[in-house]
């Protein structure tokens, strides 16, 4: 039987739209990330998360981002390099009031600069929120 907390984390992998067998890249790992969330995603995909040096085609990119991490637009542009045409980037940021919190307006500005579209926001743990980004439909049709 799955513990209630584990079920909640597995549910988060579902809410992130991560399917079994998906290729998931993790960028920006540090000691402050949510290890339970990472474990649930690895369980869901049936393997390890790929690091930022991987050159596979990614279904999902998890970008852990904090205010002091630099230029988010540049990081987003780099994250799209190996992203599948229908791939998704989840920007994981500390929640309001936590060290490293990123203002929603800063995320929106970086998303626009990177030529992506923001589709939703969810809470993924007690300390982290996630913003779902995709390539705009018009850009997809031009590829």
Protein backbone atom coordinates (compact mmCIF):
# COMPACT_ATOMS: atom_id res chain seq x y z
CA UNK A 1 0.00 0.00 0.00
CA UNK A 2 1.24 3.50 -0.85
CA UNK A 3 1.60 5.97 1.99
CA UNK A 4 -0.56 9.09 1.68
CA UNK A 5 2.51 11.32 1.25
CA UNK A 6 3.90 9.03 -1.49
CA UNK A 7 0.52 9.02 -3.23
CA UNK A 8 0.58 12.83 -3.18
CA UNK A 9 4.00 12.91 -4.81
CA UNK A 10 3.01 10.35 -7.43
CA UNK A 11 -0.04 12.51 -8.08
CA UNK A 12 2.28 15.45 -8.69
CA UNK A 13 4.12 13.45 -11.37
CA UNK A 14 0.69 12.90 -12.95
CA UNK A 15 -0.16 16.59 -12.66
CA UNK A 16 3.13 17.43 -14.37
CA UNK A 17 1.93 15.28 -17.28
CA UNK A 18 4.89 12.93 -17.02
CA UNK A 19 4.11 9.60 -18.64
CA UNK A 20 5.81 6.26 -18.00
CA UNK A 21 8.84 6.01 -20.27
CA UNK A 22 9.13 9.78 -20.78
CA UNK A 23 12.62 11.19 -21.24
CA UNK A 24 13.05 13.82 -18.51
CA UNK A 25 16.00 16.16 -18.17
CA UNK A 26 16.78 17.96 -14.93
CA UNK A 27 18.59 21.30 -15.00
CA UNK A 28 19.60 23.38 -11.99
CA UNK A 29 19.77 20.63 -9.39
CA UNK A 30 21.10 21.77 -6.03
CA UNK A 31 20.80 20.57 -2.46
CA UNK A 32 17.56 22.53 -1.96
CA UNK A 33 15.51 20.61 -4.56
CA UNK A 34 12.60 18.39 -3.50
CA UNK A 35 14.07 14.87 -3.47
CA UNK A 36 10.64 13.27 -2.92
CA UNK A 37 9.35 14.91 -6.09
CA UNK A 38 12.44 13.79 -8.01
CA UNK A 39 11.99 10.22 -6.75
CA UNK A 40 8.31 10.19 -7.76
CA UNK A 41 9.21 11.37 -11.26
CA UNK A 42 11.99 8.77 -11.58
CA UNK A 43 9.54 6.09 -10.43
CA UNK A 44 6.97 7.31 -12.95
CA UNK A 45 9.40 7.28 -15.92
CA UNK A 46 11.07 4.06 -14.81
CA UNK A 47 14.59 5.46 -14.74
CA UNK A 48 16.92 8.28 -13.82
CA UNK A 49 16.47 11.92 -14.70
CA UNK A 50 18.99 12.99 -17.33
CA UNK A 51 21.45 15.75 -16.46
CA UNK A 52 21.98 18.98 -18.32
CA UNK A 53 24.80 17.50 -20.42
CA UNK A 54 22.56 14.90 -22.06
CA UNK A 55 21.92 15.29 -25.77
CA UNK A 56 18.85 13.04 -25.95
CA UNK A 57 15.54 14.44 -27.21
CA UNK A 58 13.54 15.38 -24.12
CA UNK A 59 9.83 15.00 -23.51
CA UNK A 60 10.06 17.08 -20.33
CA UNK A 61 12.65 19.46 -18.94
CA UNK A 62 12.58 20.22 -15.21
CA UNK A 63 14.33 23.54 -14.65
CA UNK A 64 14.96 24.25 -10.95
CA UNK A 65 15.35 28.04 -10.83
CA UNK A 66 16.11 30.51 -8.08
CA UNK A 67 16.31 34.31 -8.16
CA UNK A 68 20.12 34.28 -7.92
CA UNK A 69 20.62 31.73 -10.73
CA UNK A 70 21.20 34.30 -13.48
CA UNK A 71 19.29 35.02 -16.67
CA UNK A 72 16.15 32.86 -16.86
CA UNK A 73 15.51 33.72 -20.52
CA UNK A 74 18.96 32.36 -21.48
CA UNK A 75 18.35 29.22 -19.43
CA UNK A 76 14.98 28.70 -21.13
CA UNK A 77 16.48 29.13 -24.60
CA UNK A 78 19.17 26.58 -23.71
CA UNK A 79 16.54 24.20 -22.30
CA UNK A 80 14.64 24.18 -25.60
CA UNK A 81 17.67 22.88 -27.53
CA UNK A 82 16.94 19.19 -26.94
CA UNK A 83 13.20 19.51 -26.38
CA UNK A 84 10.85 17.40 -28.51
CA UNK A 85 8.40 19.35 -30.70
CA UNK A 86 5.58 18.57 -28.25
CA UNK A 87 7.85 18.75 -25.20
CA UNK A 88 7.20 20.70 -22.03
CA UNK A 89 9.45 22.74 -19.76
CA UNK A 90 8.50 22.98 -16.10
CA UNK A 91 10.21 25.89 -14.32
CA UNK A 92 10.37 24.97 -10.64
CA UNK A 93 10.81 27.99 -8.37
CA UNK A 94 10.76 28.49 -4.61
CA UNK A 95 7.34 29.54 -3.35
CA UNK A 96 6.64 33.07 -2.15
CA UNK A 97 8.49 33.80 1.06
CA UNK A 98 11.18 31.15 0.45
CA UNK A 99 14.84 31.93 -0.27
CA UNK A 100 15.36 32.33 -4.00
CA UNK A 101 11.70 33.15 -4.80
CA UNK A 102 11.25 34.39 -8.37
CA UNK A 103 8.55 36.97 -9.08
CA UNK A 104 5.86 35.78 -11.53
CA UNK A 105 6.47 38.91 -13.64
CA UNK A 106 10.15 37.92 -14.01
CA UNK A 107 9.09 34.47 -15.21
CA UNK A 108 6.57 35.94 -17.66
CA UNK A 109 9.18 38.32 -19.09
CA UNK A 110 11.74 35.51 -19.54
CA UNK A 111 9.13 33.24 -21.13
CA UNK A 112 8.25 35.92 -23.70
CA UNK A 113 11.92 36.63 -24.43
CA UNK A 114 12.56 32.91 -24.98
CA UNK A 115 9.62 32.66 -27.39
CA UNK A 116 7.66 30.24 -25.22
CA UNK A 117 4.10 30.24 -23.92
CA UNK A 118 3.11 29.86 -20.25
CA UNK A 119 0.15 27.52 -19.85
CA UNK A 120 -0.32 26.81 -16.13
CA UNK A 121 1.07 27.05 -12.60
CA UNK A 122 0.85 24.38 -9.90
CA UNK A 123 2.21 23.75 -6.44
CA UNK A 124 4.50 20.71 -6.47
CA UNK A 125 5.62 20.64 -2.83
CA UNK A 126 5.68 22.65 0.36
CA UNK A 127 8.57 24.76 -0.94
CA UNK A 128 8.28 24.68 -4.74
CA UNK A 129 5.88 25.91 -7.42
CA UNK A 130 5.98 24.94 -11.08
CA UNK A 131 5.20 26.89 -14.25
CA UNK A 132 4.43 24.92 -17.43
CA UNK A 133 5.92 26.24 -20.66
CA UNK A 134 5.49 25.08 -24.24
CA UNK A 135 6.44 26.31 -27.70
CA UNK A 136 3.57 28.43 -29.06
CA UNK A 137 1.28 26.54 -31.45
CA UNK A 138 2.14 28.91 -34.30
CA UNK A 139 5.85 28.14 -33.85
CA UNK A 140 5.15 24.39 -33.84
CA UNK A 141 3.25 24.57 -37.12
CA UNK A 142 6.15 26.37 -38.82
CA UNK A 143 8.66 23.60 -38.01
